C-alpha atoms as a PDB file:
ATOM      1  CA  UNK A   1      -0.224  -0.067   0.094  1.00  0.00           C
ATOM      2  CA  UNK A   2       1.485   2.969  -1.041  1.00  0.00           C
ATOM      3  CA  UNK A   3       0.674   6.574   1.024  1.00  0.00           C
ATOM      4  CA  UNK A   4       1.424  10.098  -0.425  1.00  0.00           C
ATOM      5  CA  UNK A   5       0.949  13.146   0.798  1.00  0.00           C
ATOM      6  CA  UNK A   6       2.127  16.744  -0.618  1.00  0.00           C
ATOM      7  CA  UNK A   7       1.328  20.204   0.658  1.00  0.00           C
ATOM      8  CA  UNK A   8       2.016  24.130  -0.232  1.00  0.00           C
ATOM      9  CA  UNK A   9       1.423  27.363   1.340  1.00  0.00           C
ATOM     10  CA  UNK A  10      -0.941  30.214  -0.742  1.00  0.00           C
ATOM     11  CA  UNK A  11      -0.817  33.533  -0.308  1.00  0.00           C
ATOM     12  CA  UNK A  12      -4.677  33.363  -0.804  1.00  0.00           C
ATOM     13  CA  UNK A  13      -7.606  32.890   1.532  1.00  0.00           C
ATOM     14  CA  UNK A  14      -8.850  29.357   2.075  1.00  0.00           C
ATOM     15  CA  UNK A  15     -12.270  30.345   0.191  1.00  0.00           C
ATOM     16  CA  UNK A  16     -10.334  31.265  -2.750  1.00  0.00           C
ATOM     17  CA  UNK A  17      -8.095  28.422  -3.055  1.00  0.00           C
ATOM     18  CA  UNK A  18     -11.048  26.160  -1.975  1.00  0.00           C
ATOM     19  CA  UNK A  19     -12.799  27.450  -5.503  1.00  0.00           C
ATOM     20  CA  UNK A  20     -10.164  25.265  -7.377  1.00  0.00           C
ATOM     21  CA  UNK A  21     -10.003  22.305  -5.580  1.00  0.00           C
ATOM     22  CA  UNK A  22     -13.549  21.479  -3.977  1.00  0.00           C
ATOM     23  CA  UNK A  23     -15.390  18.605  -5.209  1.00  0.00           C
ATOM     24  CA  UNK A  24     -17.405  20.904  -7.852  1.00  0.00           C
ATOM     25  CA  UNK A  25     -14.147  23.193  -8.360  1.00  0.00           C
ATOM     26  CA  UNK A  26     -12.283  20.424 -10.410  1.00  0.00           C
ATOM     27  CA  UNK A  27     -13.819  21.616 -13.724  1.00  0.00           C
ATOM     28  CA  UNK A  28     -11.619  24.871 -13.144  1.00  0.00           C
ATOM     29  CA  UNK A  29      -8.153  22.682 -13.169  1.00  0.00           C
ATOM     30  CA  UNK A  30      -9.248  21.562 -16.591  1.00  0.00           C
ATOM     31  CA  UNK A  31      -8.010  25.293 -17.799  1.00  0.00           C
ATOM     32  CA  UNK A  32      -4.381  23.754 -16.443  1.00  0.00           C
ATOM     33  CA  UNK A  33      -4.217  20.933 -18.995  1.00  0.00           C
ATOM     34  CA  UNK A  34      -3.970  18.159 -16.424  1.00  0.00           C
ATOM     35  CA  UNK A  35      -7.332  17.069 -17.278  1.00  0.00           C
ATOM     36  CA  UNK A  36      -9.184  17.622 -20.320  1.00  0.00           C
ATOM     37  CA  UNK A  37     -12.711  17.534 -18.506  1.00  0.00           C
ATOM     38  CA  UNK A  38     -14.487  16.920 -15.303  1.00  0.00           C
ATOM     39  CA  UNK A  39     -18.151  16.092 -15.136  1.00  0.00           C
ATOM     40  CA  UNK A  40     -20.731  14.776 -13.047  1.00  0.00           C
ATOM     41  CA  UNK A  41     -22.448  11.729 -14.555  1.00  0.00           C
ATOM     42  CA  UNK A  42     -25.249  11.816 -11.849  1.00  0.00           C
ATOM     43  CA  UNK A  43     -25.629  15.390 -11.555  1.00  0.00           C
ATOM     44  CA  UNK A  44     -23.942  18.204  -9.430  1.00  0.00           C
ATOM     45  CA  UNK A  45     -25.329  17.721  -5.894  1.00  0.00           C
ATOM     46  CA  UNK A  46     -22.702  17.372  -3.528  1.00  0.00           C
ATOM     47  CA  UNK A  47     -23.240  14.610  -1.122  1.00  0.00           C
ATOM     48  CA  UNK A  48     -21.502  11.303  -0.231  1.00  0.00           C
ATOM     49  CA  UNK A  49     -21.918   9.084  -2.932  1.00  0.00           C
ATOM     50  CA  UNK A  50     -21.766  12.008  -5.754  1.00  0.00           C
ATOM     51  CA  UNK A  51     -19.770  10.664  -8.886  1.00  0.00           C
ATOM     52  CA  UNK A  52     -16.954  12.717 -10.540  1.00  0.00           C
ATOM     53  CA  UNK A  53     -15.671  11.766 -13.883  1.00  0.00           C
ATOM     54  CA  UNK A  54     -12.185  13.040 -14.725  1.00  0.00           C
ATOM     55  CA  UNK A  55     -10.803  12.845 -18.402  1.00  0.00           C
ATOM     56  CA  UNK A  56      -7.166  12.745 -19.077  1.00  0.00           C
ATOM     57  CA  UNK A  57      -5.475  13.961 -22.122  1.00  0.00           C
ATOM     58  CA  UNK A  58      -4.802  10.341 -23.169  1.00  0.00           C
ATOM     59  CA  UNK A  59      -7.150   7.046 -22.618  1.00  0.00           C
ATOM     60  CA  UNK A  60     -10.420   6.617 -20.699  1.00  0.00           C
ATOM     61  CA  UNK A  61     -11.721   8.946 -17.929  1.00  0.00           C
ATOM     62  CA  UNK A  62     -11.270   7.621 -14.021  1.00  0.00           C
ATOM     63  CA  UNK A  63     -14.428   7.912 -11.866  1.00  0.00           C
ATOM     64  CA  UNK A  64     -14.308   9.258  -8.138  1.00  0.00           C
ATOM     65  CA  UNK A  65     -17.270   8.437  -5.537  1.00  0.00           C
ATOM     66  CA  UNK A  66     -17.427  11.428  -2.830  1.00  0.00           C
ATOM     67  CA  UNK A  67     -17.090   9.555   0.510  1.00  0.00           C
ATOM     68  CA  UNK A  68     -16.956  12.762   3.105  1.00  0.00           C
ATOM     69  CA  UNK A  69     -17.535  16.199   2.532  1.00  0.00           C
ATOM     70  CA  UNK A  70     -16.932  18.889   5.174  1.00  0.00           C
ATOM     71  CA  UNK A  71     -16.727  22.152   3.183  1.00  0.00           C
ATOM     72  CA  UNK A  72     -17.002  24.483   6.571  1.00  0.00           C
ATOM     73  CA  UNK A  73     -13.295  22.714   6.987  1.00  0.00           C
ATOM     74  CA  UNK A  74     -12.325  22.762   3.497  1.00  0.00           C
ATOM     75  CA  UNK A  75     -12.004  18.890   3.335  1.00  0.00           C
ATOM     76  CA  UNK A  76     -13.299  15.989   1.437  1.00  0.00           C
ATOM     77  CA  UNK A  77     -12.418  12.090   1.083  1.00  0.00           C
ATOM     78  CA  UNK A  78     -12.947  10.548  -2.064  1.00  0.00           C
ATOM     79  CA  UNK A  79     -12.498   6.891  -3.334  1.00  0.00           C
ATOM     80  CA  UNK A  80     -11.796   5.977  -6.953  1.00  0.00           C
ATOM     81  CA  UNK A  81     -14.425   3.353  -8.112  1.00  0.00           C
ATOM     82  CA  UNK A  82     -13.047   3.335 -11.726  1.00  0.00           C
ATOM     83  CA  UNK A  83      -9.288   3.866 -12.053  1.00  0.00           C
ATOM     84  CA  UNK A  84      -9.578   4.016 -16.201  1.00  0.00           C
ATOM     85  CA  UNK A  85      -5.601   3.879 -17.297  1.00  0.00           C
ATOM     86  CA  UNK A  86      -4.105   4.771 -13.950  1.00  0.00           C
ATOM     87  CA  UNK A  87      -2.253   2.005 -12.235  1.00  0.00           C
ATOM     88  CA  UNK A  88      -4.011   1.828  -8.876  1.00  0.00           C
ATOM     89  CA  UNK A  89      -6.441  -0.260  -6.964  1.00  0.00           C
ATOM     90  CA  UNK A  90      -8.474   0.820  -3.411  1.00  0.00           C
ATOM     91  CA  UNK A  91      -7.305   4.329  -4.048  1.00  0.00           C
ATOM     92  CA  UNK A  92      -8.614   6.753  -1.474  1.00  0.00           C
ATOM     93  CA  UNK A  93      -7.822  10.602  -1.673  1.00  0.00           C
ATOM     94  CA  UNK A  94      -8.086  13.279   0.586  1.00  0.00           C
ATOM     95  CA  UNK A  95      -8.390  17.148  -0.190  1.00  0.00           C
ATOM     96  CA  UNK A  96      -7.741  19.472   2.946  1.00  0.00           C
ATOM     97  CA  UNK A  97      -7.308  23.401   3.162  1.00  0.00           C
ATOM     98  CA  UNK A  98      -5.935  24.756   6.806  1.00  0.00           C
ATOM     99  CA  UNK A  99      -6.227  28.442   7.066  1.00  0.00           C
ATOM    100  CA  UNK A 100      -3.119  30.445   7.523  1.00  0.00           C
ATOM    101  CA  UNK A 101      -3.483  33.740   8.728  1.00  0.00           C
ATOM    102  CA  UNK A 102      -4.375  35.542   5.428  1.00  0.00           C
ATOM    103  CA  UNK A 103      -3.165  32.634   3.566  1.00  0.00           C
ATOM    104  CA  UNK A 104      -3.850  28.957   3.555  1.00  0.00           C
ATOM    105  CA  UNK A 105      -2.104  25.365   3.333  1.00  0.00           C
ATOM    106  CA  UNK A 106      -3.415  23.125   0.740  1.00  0.00           C
ATOM    107  CA  UNK A 107      -2.951  19.272   1.273  1.00  0.00           C
ATOM    108  CA  UNK A 108      -3.394  16.753  -1.399  1.00  0.00           C
ATOM    109  CA  UNK A 109      -3.049  12.921   0.049  1.00  0.00           C
ATOM    110  CA  UNK A 110      -3.781   9.226  -1.064  1.00  0.00           C
ATOM    111  CA  UNK A 111      -3.366   5.692  -0.254  1.00  0.00           C
ATOM    112  CA  UNK A 112      -3.509   3.051  -2.806  1.00  0.00           C
ATOM    113  CA  UNK A 113      -2.371  -0.200  -4.055  1.00  0.00           C
ATOM    114  CA  UNK A 114       0.087   0.702  -7.122  1.00  0.00           C
ATOM    115  CA  UNK A 115      -0.430  -1.935  -9.878  1.00  0.00           C
ATOM    116  CA  UNK A 116       2.460  -3.016 -12.603  1.00  0.00           C
ATOM    117  CA  UNK A 117       4.951  -0.129 -11.892  1.00  0.00           C
ATOM    118  CA  UNK A 118       6.923   0.441  -8.693  1.00  0.00           C
ATOM    119  CA  UNK A 119       5.833   2.734  -5.912  1.00  0.00           C
ATOM    120  CA  UNK A 120       8.484   5.424  -6.262  1.00  0.00           C
ATOM    121  CA  UNK A 121       7.536   5.755 -10.207  1.00  0.00           C
ATOM    122  CA  UNK A 122       3.738   6.067  -9.368  1.00  0.00           C
ATOM    123  CA  UNK A 123       4.819   8.794  -6.371  1.00  0.00           C
ATOM    124  CA  UNK A 124       7.093  10.601  -9.073  1.00  0.00           C
ATOM    125  CA  UNK A 125       4.307  10.975 -11.777  1.00  0.00           C
ATOM    126  CA  UNK A 126       1.868  11.758  -8.931  1.00  0.00           C
ATOM    127  CA  UNK A 127       4.154  14.602  -7.521  1.00  0.00           C
ATOM    128  CA  UNK A 128       4.629  16.117 -10.676  1.00  0.00           C
ATOM    129  CA  UNK A 129       0.735  16.339 -11.822  1.00  0.00           C
ATOM    130  CA  UNK A 130       0.397  17.703  -8.006  1.00  0.00           C
ATOM    131  CA  UNK A 131       3.186  20.361  -8.332  1.00  0.00           C
ATOM    132  CA  UNK A 132       1.422  21.291 -11.673  1.00  0.00           C
ATOM    133  CA  UNK A 133      -1.746  21.934 -10.133  1.00  0.00           C
ATOM    134  CA  UNK A 134      -0.324  23.926  -7.270  1.00  0.00           C
ATOM    135  CA  UNK A 135       1.567  26.494  -9.850  1.00  0.00           C
ATOM    136  CA  UNK A 136      -1.778  26.646 -11.476  1.00  0.00           C
ATOM    137  CA  UNK A 137      -3.488  27.813  -8.668  1.00  0.00           C
ATOM    138  CA  UNK A 138      -0.863  30.236  -7.628  1.00  0.00           C
ATOM    139  CA  UNK A 139      -0.989  31.813 -11.189  1.00  0.00           C
ATOM    140  CA  UNK A 140      -4.691  32.302 -10.752  1.00  0.00           C
ATOM    141  CA  UNK A 141      -5.122  33.531  -6.984  1.00  0.00           C
END
């Protein structure tokens, strides 16, 4: 089981950064090119069990299911229910923002079993994407 976390500090209020990473904020990240589209196959209602389909530049989409959502705490936990082309199983992810004075800290984390590649290779590719997301958010806040 692989477990990875990454966090960064932003000179922007938690509410502003949340607008990019909240469950329904994911479509804004498509502007950064990491994903080509994010949609909600069962509708946009935010509640445990809600689905989000994320399309990658190459290959089929992956599908996430919202497990826990606490917007008042800038927190949610989700699970991949269809990993699409990703070399993973049993993926559970977390997005959390902590207020830090006039700014905030954003954390992404996940646990998963990596399939068909070594954990260090997966970690390297996952961190590369997350750093790109951080850079994209910094340019827009």
